[in-house]
Amino acid sequence: MSGQDNADAPGRGDQIEAAEREAARQRLLAQAEAERIPVEETTRAVPDRRWRRG
């Protein structure tokens, strides 16, 4: 057994961390998509009638 064999292969801890990062990324993307407001709803003109009071 030499130390060079392990230097080229990613460690089990690195694989677990990468999988956790990817899972967190997917959760964030899913949450952002769920909270996204469609453009049609943000650009719709709403009349401002406050100046017509009185």
N, C-alpha and C. Protein backbone atom coordinates (compact mmCIF):
# COMPACT_ATOMS: atom_id res chain seq x y z
N MET A 1 0.84 -1.19 0.00
CA MET A 1 0.00 0.00 0.00
C MET A 1 0.88 1.24 0.00
N SER A 2 0.62 2.10 -0.96
CA SER A 2 1.38 3.33 -1.00
C SER A 2 0.44 4.51 -0.86
N GLY A 3 0.94 5.64 -0.45
CA GLY A 3 0.13 6.84 -0.27
C GLY A 3 -0.33 7.45 -1.58
N GLN A 4 0.31 7.07 -2.68
CA GLN A 4 -0.05 7.65 -3.97
C GLN A 4 -1.42 7.16 -4.45
N ASP A 5 -1.83 5.98 -4.08
CA ASP A 5 -3.11 5.46 -4.53
C ASP A 5 -4.27 6.31 -4.03
N ASN A 6 -4.17 6.78 -2.81
CA ASN A 6 -5.26 7.56 -2.23
C ASN A 6 -5.26 9.01 -2.72
N ALA A 7 -4.15 9.50 -3.22
CA ALA A 7 -4.05 10.89 -3.64
C ALA A 7 -4.90 11.16 -4.88
N ASP A 8 -5.05 10.19 -5.76
CA ASP A 8 -5.80 10.40 -6.98
C ASP A 8 -7.31 10.22 -6.80
N ALA A 9 -7.72 9.35 -5.91
CA ALA A 9 -9.14 9.07 -5.71
C ALA A 9 -9.71 9.99 -4.63
N PRO A 10 -10.90 10.55 -4.87
CA PRO A 10 -11.52 11.38 -3.84
C PRO A 10 -11.90 10.53 -2.64
N GLY A 11 -11.74 11.09 -1.46
CA GLY A 11 -12.06 10.35 -0.25
C GLY A 11 -13.56 10.22 -0.05
N ARG A 12 -13.94 9.29 0.80
CA ARG A 12 -15.36 9.06 1.08
C ARG A 12 -15.99 10.32 1.68
N GLY A 13 -15.26 11.01 2.54
CA GLY A 13 -15.76 12.25 3.14
C GLY A 13 -16.01 13.32 2.09
N ASP A 14 -15.12 13.41 1.11
CA ASP A 14 -15.29 14.38 0.03
C ASP A 14 -16.53 14.05 -0.80
N GLN A 15 -16.76 12.76 -1.04
CA GLN A 15 -17.94 12.35 -1.81
C GLN A 15 -19.22 12.69 -1.06
N ILE A 16 -19.22 12.47 0.26
CA ILE A 16 -20.40 12.78 1.07
C ILE A 16 -20.65 14.28 1.07
N GLU A 17 -19.60 15.07 1.23
CA GLU A 17 -19.74 16.53 1.22
C GLU A 17 -20.27 17.02 -0.11
N ALA A 18 -19.77 16.47 -1.20
CA ALA A 18 -20.25 16.87 -2.52
C ALA A 18 -21.72 16.52 -2.69
N ALA A 19 -22.13 15.36 -2.21
CA ALA A 19 -23.54 14.96 -2.31
C ALA A 19 -24.41 15.87 -1.45
N GLU A 20 -23.94 16.24 -0.27
CA GLU A 20 -24.70 17.15 0.59
C GLU A 20 -24.82 18.53 -0.04
N ARG A 21 -23.73 19.01 -0.64
CA ARG A 21 -23.77 20.33 -1.32
C ARG A 21 -24.77 20.31 -2.46
N GLU A 22 -24.77 19.24 -3.24
CA GLU A 22 -25.70 19.13 -4.37
C GLU A 22 -27.14 19.06 -3.88
N ALA A 23 -27.38 18.32 -2.80
CA ALA A 23 -28.73 18.23 -2.24
C ALA A 23 -29.20 19.60 -1.73
N ALA A 24 -28.31 20.32 -1.08
CA ALA A 24 -28.65 21.66 -0.59
C ALA A 24 -28.94 22.60 -1.75
N ARG A 25 -28.14 22.48 -2.80
CA ARG A 25 -28.35 23.30 -4.00
C ARG A 25 -29.72 23.03 -4.61
N GLN A 26 -30.08 21.76 -4.70
CA GLN A 26 -31.38 21.40 -5.27
C GLN A 26 -32.53 21.92 -4.40
N ARG A 27 -32.36 21.85 -3.06
CA ARG A 27 -33.40 22.38 -2.17
C ARG A 27 -33.56 23.88 -2.35
N LEU A 28 -32.44 24.60 -2.46
CA LEU A 28 -32.51 26.05 -2.65
C LEU A 28 -33.17 26.41 -3.98
N LEU A 29 -32.83 25.68 -5.03
CA LEU A 29 -33.45 25.94 -6.33
C LEU A 29 -34.95 25.67 -6.29
N ALA A 30 -35.35 24.60 -5.63
CA ALA A 30 -36.77 24.26 -5.52
C ALA A 30 -37.50 25.32 -4.71
N GLN A 31 -36.89 25.81 -3.64
CA GLN A 31 -37.52 26.84 -2.82
C GLN A 31 -37.64 28.14 -3.60
N ALA A 32 -36.61 28.51 -4.32
CA ALA A 32 -36.64 29.74 -5.10
C ALA A 32 -37.72 29.66 -6.18
N GLU A 33 -37.85 28.52 -6.81
CA GLU A 33 -38.87 28.36 -7.84
C GLU A 33 -40.27 28.44 -7.23
N ALA A 34 -40.45 27.89 -6.04
CA ALA A 34 -41.75 27.92 -5.38
C ALA A 34 -42.13 29.35 -4.98
N GLU A 35 -41.14 30.17 -4.64
CA GLU A 35 -41.40 31.54 -4.20
C GLU A 35 -41.36 32.55 -5.35
N ARG A 36 -41.06 32.09 -6.53
CA ARG A 36 -40.92 32.99 -7.68
C ARG A 36 -42.26 33.62 -8.03
N ILE A 37 -42.25 34.90 -8.34
CA ILE A 37 -43.45 35.61 -8.77
C ILE A 37 -43.37 35.76 -10.28
N PRO A 38 -44.38 35.30 -11.01
CA PRO A 38 -44.34 35.43 -12.47
C PRO A 38 -44.25 36.89 -12.91
N VAL A 39 -43.57 37.14 -14.00
CA VAL A 39 -43.38 38.49 -14.51
C VAL A 39 -44.73 39.16 -14.78
N GLU A 40 -45.68 38.39 -15.25
CA GLU A 40 -46.99 38.97 -15.57
C GLU A 40 -47.61 39.64 -14.35
N GLU A 41 -47.36 39.09 -13.16
CA GLU A 41 -47.94 39.66 -11.95
C GLU A 41 -47.17 40.86 -11.44
N THR A 42 -45.91 40.98 -11.78
CA THR A 42 -45.12 42.10 -11.26
C THR A 42 -45.17 43.31 -12.17
N THR A 43 -45.56 43.15 -13.43
CA THR A 43 -45.55 44.28 -14.35
C THR A 43 -46.96 44.80 -14.67
N ARG A 44 -47.96 44.20 -14.08
CA ARG A 44 -49.33 44.64 -14.35
C ARG A 44 -49.54 46.03 -13.75
N ALA A 45 -50.10 46.92 -14.54
CA ALA A 45 -50.34 48.29 -14.08
C ALA A 45 -51.54 48.32 -13.14
N VAL A 46 -51.37 49.00 -12.02
CA VAL A 46 -52.45 49.18 -11.07
C VAL A 46 -52.74 50.67 -11.01
N PRO A 47 -53.97 51.07 -11.31
CA PRO A 47 -54.28 52.50 -11.29
C PRO A 47 -54.11 53.09 -9.90
N ASP A 48 -53.55 54.27 -9.86
CA ASP A 48 -53.36 54.99 -8.60
C ASP A 48 -54.43 56.05 -8.51
N ARG A 49 -55.41 55.82 -7.68
CA ARG A 49 -56.56 56.74 -7.59
C ARG A 49 -56.48 57.62 -6.34
N ARG A 50 -55.38 57.58 -5.64
CA ARG A 50 -55.28 58.36 -4.40
C ARG A 50 -55.40 59.85 -4.68
N TRP A 51 -54.92 60.32 -5.80
CA TRP A 51 -54.94 61.75 -6.09
C TRP A 51 -56.34 62.24 -6.43
N ARG A 52 -57.29 61.35 -6.67
CA ARG A 52 -58.66 61.75 -7.02
C ARG A 52 -59.55 61.94 -5.80
N ARG A 53 -59.07 61.71 -4.61
CA ARG A 53 -59.91 61.86 -3.41
C ARG A 53 -60.31 63.31 -3.25
N GLY A 54 -61.56 63.48 -2.73
CA GLY A 54 -62.02 64.80 -2.35
C GLY A 54 -62.62 65.48 -3.50
